Amino acid sequence: MARINHSVRSALLARTLFVGALGLGILLGGCQSKILQHGNVPDEDQVVQIQPGQDDKNRVEQLLGSPSTTGTFGDDVWYYVSKRTSQTAFFEPDIIDQGVLAISFDNQGIVQDMKVYDQTDGRLVAMVDRVTPTHGNELTIIQQMLGNLGRFSPGEDGPKTGPTGTTGAPGGV
């Protein structure tokens, strides 16, 4: 009887150790960092083939592909933006490297200049949390609930004005 009890205990201990080791492996596997690539990373060998003053937009697009974005007020500047990050589990990702290749074109679409910006050229921009005030009538809850009562009558010619001084028609007429 003692032998059966001992073998049951050892089997239970072995099963518990196996489940514990499996659980630990799953937990540690979830903590492995992931490398994430965002954007278009142009190949350096192709970038050096671009000749300012000679190549045009079609040639640049053949070599590098379409840009990540273009200039705000036209397509005279093409930007190739890339970022590589490493993220472990649920933690904030760490930036490994990031870069921007800016290619400027003249009015005829010929490459004028190329600049490379990296992480050291970036600046932190403070976000401003402002609320734009709006003008208008501040209505109480009772005014809002009772505002439409009596505005429309079946026998009269048109709508009456509500508590805001308008009829509710488009344009506030």
C-alpha atoms as a PDB file:
ATOM      1  CA  MET A   1       0.000   0.000   0.000  1.00  0.00           C
ATOM      2  CA  ALA A   2       2.839   2.383   0.821  1.00  0.00           C
ATOM      3  CA  ARG A   3       4.458   1.559  -2.544  1.00  0.00           C
ATOM      4  CA  ILE A   4       1.324   2.566  -4.492  1.00  0.00           C
ATOM      5  CA  ASN A   5       1.044   5.796  -2.554  1.00  0.00           C
ATOM      6  CA  HIS A   6       4.722   6.549  -3.267  1.00  0.00           C
ATOM      7  CA  SER A   7       4.353   5.897  -7.032  1.00  0.00           C
ATOM      8  CA  VAL A   8       1.244   8.092  -7.190  1.00  0.00           C
ATOM      9  CA  ARG A   9       3.133  10.871  -5.446  1.00  0.00           C
ATOM     10  CA  SER A  10       6.112  10.617  -7.790  1.00  0.00           C
ATOM     11  CA  ALA A  11       3.806  10.621 -10.859  1.00  0.00           C
ATOM     12  CA  LEU A  12       1.966  13.653  -9.504  1.00  0.00           C
ATOM     13  CA  LEU A  13       5.272  15.404  -8.792  1.00  0.00           C
ATOM     14  CA  ALA A  14       6.566  14.623 -12.286  1.00  0.00           C
ATOM     15  CA  ARG A  15       3.342  15.916 -13.865  1.00  0.00           C
ATOM     16  CA  THR A  16       3.476  19.095 -11.742  1.00  0.00           C
ATOM     17  CA  LEU A  17       7.101  19.719 -12.714  1.00  0.00           C
ATOM     18  CA  PHE A  18       6.284  19.173 -16.387  1.00  0.00           C
ATOM     19  CA  VAL A  19       3.310  21.574 -16.300  1.00  0.00           C
ATOM     20  CA  GLY A  20       5.389  24.131 -14.376  1.00  0.00           C
ATOM     21  CA  ALA A  21       8.274  23.901 -16.867  1.00  0.00           C
ATOM     22  CA  LEU A  22       5.835  24.207 -19.778  1.00  0.00           C
ATOM     23  CA  GLY A  23       4.192  27.264 -18.194  1.00  0.00           C
ATOM     24  CA  LEU A  24       7.571  28.878 -17.526  1.00  0.00           C
ATOM     25  CA  GLY A  25       8.598  28.260 -21.143  1.00  0.00           C
ATOM     26  CA  ILE A  26       5.424  29.914 -22.405  1.00  0.00           C
ATOM     27  CA  LEU A  27       5.925  32.908 -20.116  1.00  0.00           C
ATOM     28  CA  LEU A  28       9.544  33.373 -21.157  1.00  0.00           C
ATOM     29  CA  GLY A  29       8.618  32.927 -24.819  1.00  0.00           C
ATOM     30  CA  GLY A  30       6.142  35.798 -24.482  1.00  0.00           C
ATOM     31  CA  CYS A  31       8.936  38.042 -23.195  1.00  0.00           C
ATOM     32  CA  GLN A  32      11.052  37.636 -26.306  1.00  0.00           C
ATOM     33  CA  SER A  33      11.596  40.981 -28.006  1.00  0.00           C
ATOM     34  CA  LYS A  34      10.199  41.569 -31.480  1.00  0.00           C
ATOM     35  CA  ILE A  35      11.898  43.698 -34.111  1.00  0.00           C
ATOM     36  CA  LEU A  36       9.328  45.726 -36.053  1.00  0.00           C
ATOM     37  CA  GLN A  37      10.100  47.531 -39.325  1.00  0.00           C
ATOM     38  CA  HIS A  38       7.898  50.447 -40.395  1.00  0.00           C
ATOM     39  CA  GLY A  39       8.175  52.450 -43.584  1.00  0.00           C
ATOM     40  CA  ASN A  40      10.346  52.221 -46.654  1.00  0.00           C
ATOM     41  CA  VAL A  41      14.075  51.632 -46.157  1.00  0.00           C
ATOM     42  CA  PRO A  42      15.762  52.431 -49.480  1.00  0.00           C
ATOM     43  CA  ASP A  43      18.759  50.265 -50.349  1.00  0.00           C
ATOM     44  CA  GLU A  44      21.969  52.297 -50.078  1.00  0.00           C
ATOM     45  CA  ASP A  45      23.296  50.824 -53.335  1.00  0.00           C
ATOM     46  CA  GLN A  46      20.251  52.186 -55.157  1.00  0.00           C
ATOM     47  CA  VAL A  47      20.349  55.589 -53.416  1.00  0.00           C
ATOM     48  CA  VAL A  48      23.921  56.251 -54.570  1.00  0.00           C
ATOM     49  CA  GLN A  49      22.829  55.625 -58.183  1.00  0.00           C
ATOM     50  CA  ILE A  50      20.632  58.752 -58.093  1.00  0.00           C
ATOM     51  CA  GLN A  51      22.450  61.675 -59.716  1.00  0.00           C
ATOM     52  CA  PRO A  52      21.255  65.191 -58.768  1.00  0.00           C
ATOM     53  CA  GLY A  53      20.762  67.339 -61.866  1.00  0.00           C
ATOM     54  CA  GLN A  54      20.339  64.266 -64.117  1.00  0.00           C
ATOM     55  CA  ASP A  55      17.744  61.826 -62.789  1.00  0.00           C
ATOM     56  CA  ASP A  56      14.020  62.576 -62.752  1.00  0.00           C
ATOM     57  CA  LYS A  57      11.051  61.383 -60.684  1.00  0.00           C
ATOM     58  CA  ASN A  58      10.488  58.310 -62.864  1.00  0.00           C
ATOM     59  CA  ARG A  59      14.081  57.141 -62.362  1.00  0.00           C
ATOM     60  CA  VAL A  60      13.869  57.716 -58.601  1.00  0.00           C
ATOM     61  CA  GLU A  61      10.623  55.754 -58.419  1.00  0.00           C
ATOM     62  CA  GLN A  62      12.188  52.907 -60.436  1.00  0.00           C
ATOM     63  CA  LEU A  63      15.127  52.712 -58.035  1.00  0.00           C
ATOM     64  CA  LEU A  64      13.478  53.353 -54.653  1.00  0.00           C
ATOM     65  CA  GLY A  65       9.779  52.765 -55.194  1.00  0.00           C
ATOM     66  CA  SER A  66       7.074  55.252 -54.318  1.00  0.00           C
ATOM     67  CA  PRO A  67       7.780  57.615 -51.423  1.00  0.00           C
ATOM     68  CA  SER A  68       6.279  57.332 -47.940  1.00  0.00           C
ATOM     69  CA  THR A  69       4.939  60.859 -48.316  1.00  0.00           C
ATOM     70  CA  THR A  70       5.413  64.001 -50.391  1.00  0.00           C
ATOM     71  CA  GLY A  71       5.744  67.691 -49.579  1.00  0.00           C
ATOM     72  CA  THR A  72       2.819  69.502 -48.014  1.00  0.00           C
ATOM     73  CA  PHE A  73       2.296  72.060 -50.780  1.00  0.00           C
ATOM     74  CA  GLY A  74       3.132  69.920 -53.804  1.00  0.00           C
ATOM     75  CA  ASP A  75       5.167  66.920 -54.819  1.00  0.00           C
ATOM     76  CA  ASP A  76       8.494  68.738 -55.209  1.00  0.00           C
ATOM     77  CA  VAL A  77       9.952  66.874 -52.183  1.00  0.00           C
ATOM     78  CA  TRP A  78       9.668  63.125 -51.671  1.00  0.00           C
ATOM     79  CA  TYR A  79      10.235  61.580 -48.247  1.00  0.00           C
ATOM     80  CA  TYR A  80      11.207  57.973 -47.614  1.00  0.00           C
ATOM     81  CA  VAL A  81      10.553  57.419 -43.908  1.00  0.00           C
ATOM     82  CA  SER A  82      11.629  54.337 -41.955  1.00  0.00           C
ATOM     83  CA  LYS A  83      11.737  53.231 -38.333  1.00  0.00           C
ATOM     84  CA  ARG A  84      12.911  50.028 -36.626  1.00  0.00           C
ATOM     85  CA  THR A  85      11.768  49.294 -33.105  1.00  0.00           C
ATOM     86  CA  SER A  86      12.223  46.533 -30.583  1.00  0.00           C
ATOM     87  CA  GLN A  87       9.322  45.641 -28.304  1.00  0.00           C
ATOM     88  CA  THR A  88       9.307  43.220 -25.419  1.00  0.00           C
ATOM     89  CA  ALA A  89       5.903  41.936 -24.291  1.00  0.00           C
ATOM     90  CA  PHE A  90       3.626  44.845 -23.375  1.00  0.00           C
ATOM     91  CA  PHE A  91       6.383  47.391 -22.701  1.00  0.00           C
ATOM     92  CA  GLU A  92       6.864  50.604 -24.674  1.00  0.00           C
ATOM     93  CA  PRO A  93       8.857  49.925 -27.874  1.00  0.00           C
ATOM     94  CA  ASP A  94      12.486  51.089 -28.026  1.00  0.00           C
ATOM     95  CA  ILE A  95      13.622  52.837 -31.212  1.00  0.00           C
ATOM     96  CA  ILE A  96      16.595  51.022 -32.732  1.00  0.00           C
ATOM     97  CA  ASP A  97      17.005  53.413 -35.634  1.00  0.00           C
ATOM     98  CA  GLN A  98      14.933  55.730 -37.761  1.00  0.00           C
ATOM     99  CA  GLY A  99      15.675  57.729 -40.830  1.00  0.00           C
ATOM    100  CA  VAL A 100      14.262  60.005 -43.478  1.00  0.00           C
ATOM    101  CA  LEU A 101      15.605  60.360 -47.000  1.00  0.00           C
ATOM    102  CA  ALA A 102      14.376  63.642 -48.510  1.00  0.00           C
ATOM    103  CA  ILE A 103      14.723  64.084 -52.266  1.00  0.00           C
ATOM    104  CA  SER A 104      14.022  67.565 -53.669  1.00  0.00           C
ATOM    105  CA  PHE A 105      12.973  68.109 -57.286  1.00  0.00           C
ATOM    106  CA  ASP A 106      12.923  71.247 -59.426  1.00  0.00           C
ATOM    107  CA  ASN A 107       9.934  72.428 -61.528  1.00  0.00           C
ATOM    108  CA  GLN A 108      10.839  70.004 -64.357  1.00  0.00           C
ATOM    109  CA  GLY A 109      10.955  67.003 -61.970  1.00  0.00           C
ATOM    110  CA  ILE A 110      14.757  66.691 -61.964  1.00  0.00           C
ATOM    111  CA  VAL A 111      16.509  65.756 -58.697  1.00  0.00           C
ATOM    112  CA  GLN A 112      17.975  68.888 -57.091  1.00  0.00           C
ATOM    113  CA  ASP A 113      19.158  67.646 -53.694  1.00  0.00           C
ATOM    114  CA  MET A 114      19.109  64.622 -51.394  1.00  0.00           C
ATOM    115  CA  LYS A 115      19.352  64.775 -47.607  1.00  0.00           C
ATOM    116  CA  VAL A 116      19.407  62.025 -45.001  1.00  0.00           C
ATOM    117  CA  TYR A 117      18.021  62.707 -41.542  1.00  0.00           C
ATOM    118  CA  ASP A 118      18.449  60.337 -38.618  1.00  0.00           C
ATOM    119  CA  GLN A 119      17.369  60.113 -35.010  1.00  0.00           C
ATOM    120  CA  THR A 120      19.689  62.939 -33.935  1.00  0.00           C
ATOM    121  CA  ASP A 121      17.941  65.366 -36.305  1.00  0.00           C
ATOM    122  CA  GLY A 122      14.539  64.747 -34.723  1.00  0.00           C
ATOM    123  CA  ARG A 123      12.941  67.073 -32.207  1.00  0.00           C
ATOM    124  CA  LEU A 124      10.309  66.410 -29.607  1.00  0.00           C
ATOM    125  CA  VAL A 125       7.188  68.436 -30.199  1.00  0.00           C
ATOM    126  CA  ALA A 126       5.118  69.358 -27.175  1.00  0.00           C
ATOM    127  CA  MET A 127       1.449  68.764 -27.769  1.00  0.00           C
ATOM    128  CA  VAL A 128      -0.783  71.645 -26.754  1.00  0.00           C
ATOM    129  CA  ASP A 129      -4.106  70.769 -25.199  1.00  0.00           C
ATOM    130  CA  ARG A 130      -6.310  73.759 -25.832  1.00  0.00           C
ATOM    131  CA  VAL A 131     -10.032  74.146 -26.244  1.00  0.00           C
ATOM    132  CA  THR A 132     -11.366  76.611 -28.754  1.00  0.00           C
ATOM    133  CA  PRO A 133     -14.197  78.585 -27.173  1.00  0.00           C
ATOM    134  CA  THR A 134     -17.428  78.712 -29.135  1.00  0.00           C
ATOM    135  CA  HIS A 135     -19.982  81.445 -28.887  1.00  0.00           C
ATOM    136  CA  GLY A 136     -23.643  80.714 -28.593  1.00  0.00           C
ATOM    137  CA  ASN A 137     -26.413  80.390 -26.106  1.00  0.00           C
ATOM    138  CA  GLU A 138     -25.842  78.290 -23.034  1.00  0.00           C
ATOM    139  CA  LEU A 139     -29.133  76.516 -22.410  1.00  0.00           C
ATOM    140  CA  THR A 140     -30.142  74.908 -19.165  1.00  0.00           C
ATOM    141  CA  ILE A 141     -31.356  71.330 -19.188  1.00  0.00           C
ATOM    142  CA  ILE A 142     -34.948  72.501 -18.769  1.00  0.00           C
ATOM    143  CA  GLN A 143     -34.633  74.919 -21.692  1.00  0.00           C
ATOM    144  CA  GLN A 144     -33.274  72.098 -23.839  1.00  0.00           C
ATOM    145  CA  MET A 145     -36.067  69.712 -22.841  1.00  0.00           C
ATOM    146  CA  LEU A 146     -38.883  72.217 -23.231  1.00  0.00           C
ATOM    147  CA  GLY A 147     -37.388  74.188 -26.139  1.00  0.00           C
ATOM    148  CA  ASN A 148     -39.601  72.707 -28.853  1.00  0.00           C
ATOM    149  CA  LEU A 149     -42.894  72.812 -26.963  1.00  0.00           C
ATOM    150  CA  GLY A 150     -45.245  75.256 -28.592  1.00  0.00           C
ATOM    151  CA  ARG A 151     -42.994  75.977 -31.568  1.00  0.00           C
ATOM    152  CA  PHE A 152     -45.221  74.242 -34.079  1.00  0.00           C
ATOM    153  CA  SER A 153     -48.971  74.575 -34.170  1.00  0.00           C
ATOM    154  CA  PRO A 154     -51.166  72.862 -36.776  1.00  0.00           C
ATOM    155  CA  GLY A 155     -53.267  75.923 -37.588  1.00  0.00           C
ATOM    156  CA  GLU A 156     -50.635  78.643 -37.871  1.00  0.00           C
ATOM    157  CA  ASP A 157     -48.667  79.778 -40.922  1.00  0.00           C
ATOM    158  CA  GLY A 158     -45.121  78.955 -39.810  1.00  0.00           C
ATOM    159  CA  PRO A 159     -42.885  77.960 -36.977  1.00  0.00           C
ATOM    160  CA  LYS A 160     -42.353  80.126 -33.953  1.00  0.00           C
ATOM    161  CA  THR A 161     -38.934  80.951 -32.573  1.00  0.00           C
ATOM    162  CA  GLY A 162     -37.517  78.805 -29.802  1.00  0.00           C
ATOM    163  CA  PRO A 163     -35.504  79.758 -26.715  1.00  0.00           C
ATOM    164  CA  THR A 164     -32.390  80.443 -28.812  1.00  0.00           C
ATOM    165  CA  GLY A 165     -34.170  83.022 -30.958  1.00  0.00           C
ATOM    166  CA  THR A 166     -34.186  80.831 -34.072  1.00  0.00           C
ATOM    167  CA  THR A 167     -36.813  78.717 -35.705  1.00  0.00           C
ATOM    168  CA  GLY A 168     -34.642  75.681 -36.169  1.00  0.00           C
ATOM    169  CA  ALA A 169     -34.811  76.098 -39.947  1.00  0.00           C
ATOM    170  CA  PRO A 170     -31.553  75.998 -41.942  1.00  0.00           C
ATOM    171  CA  GLY A 171     -29.719  79.276 -41.614  1.00  0.00           C
ATOM    172  CA  GLY A 172     -31.599  80.115 -38.405  1.00  0.00           C
ATOM    173  CA  VAL A 173     -34.392  81.879 -40.296  1.00  0.00           C
END
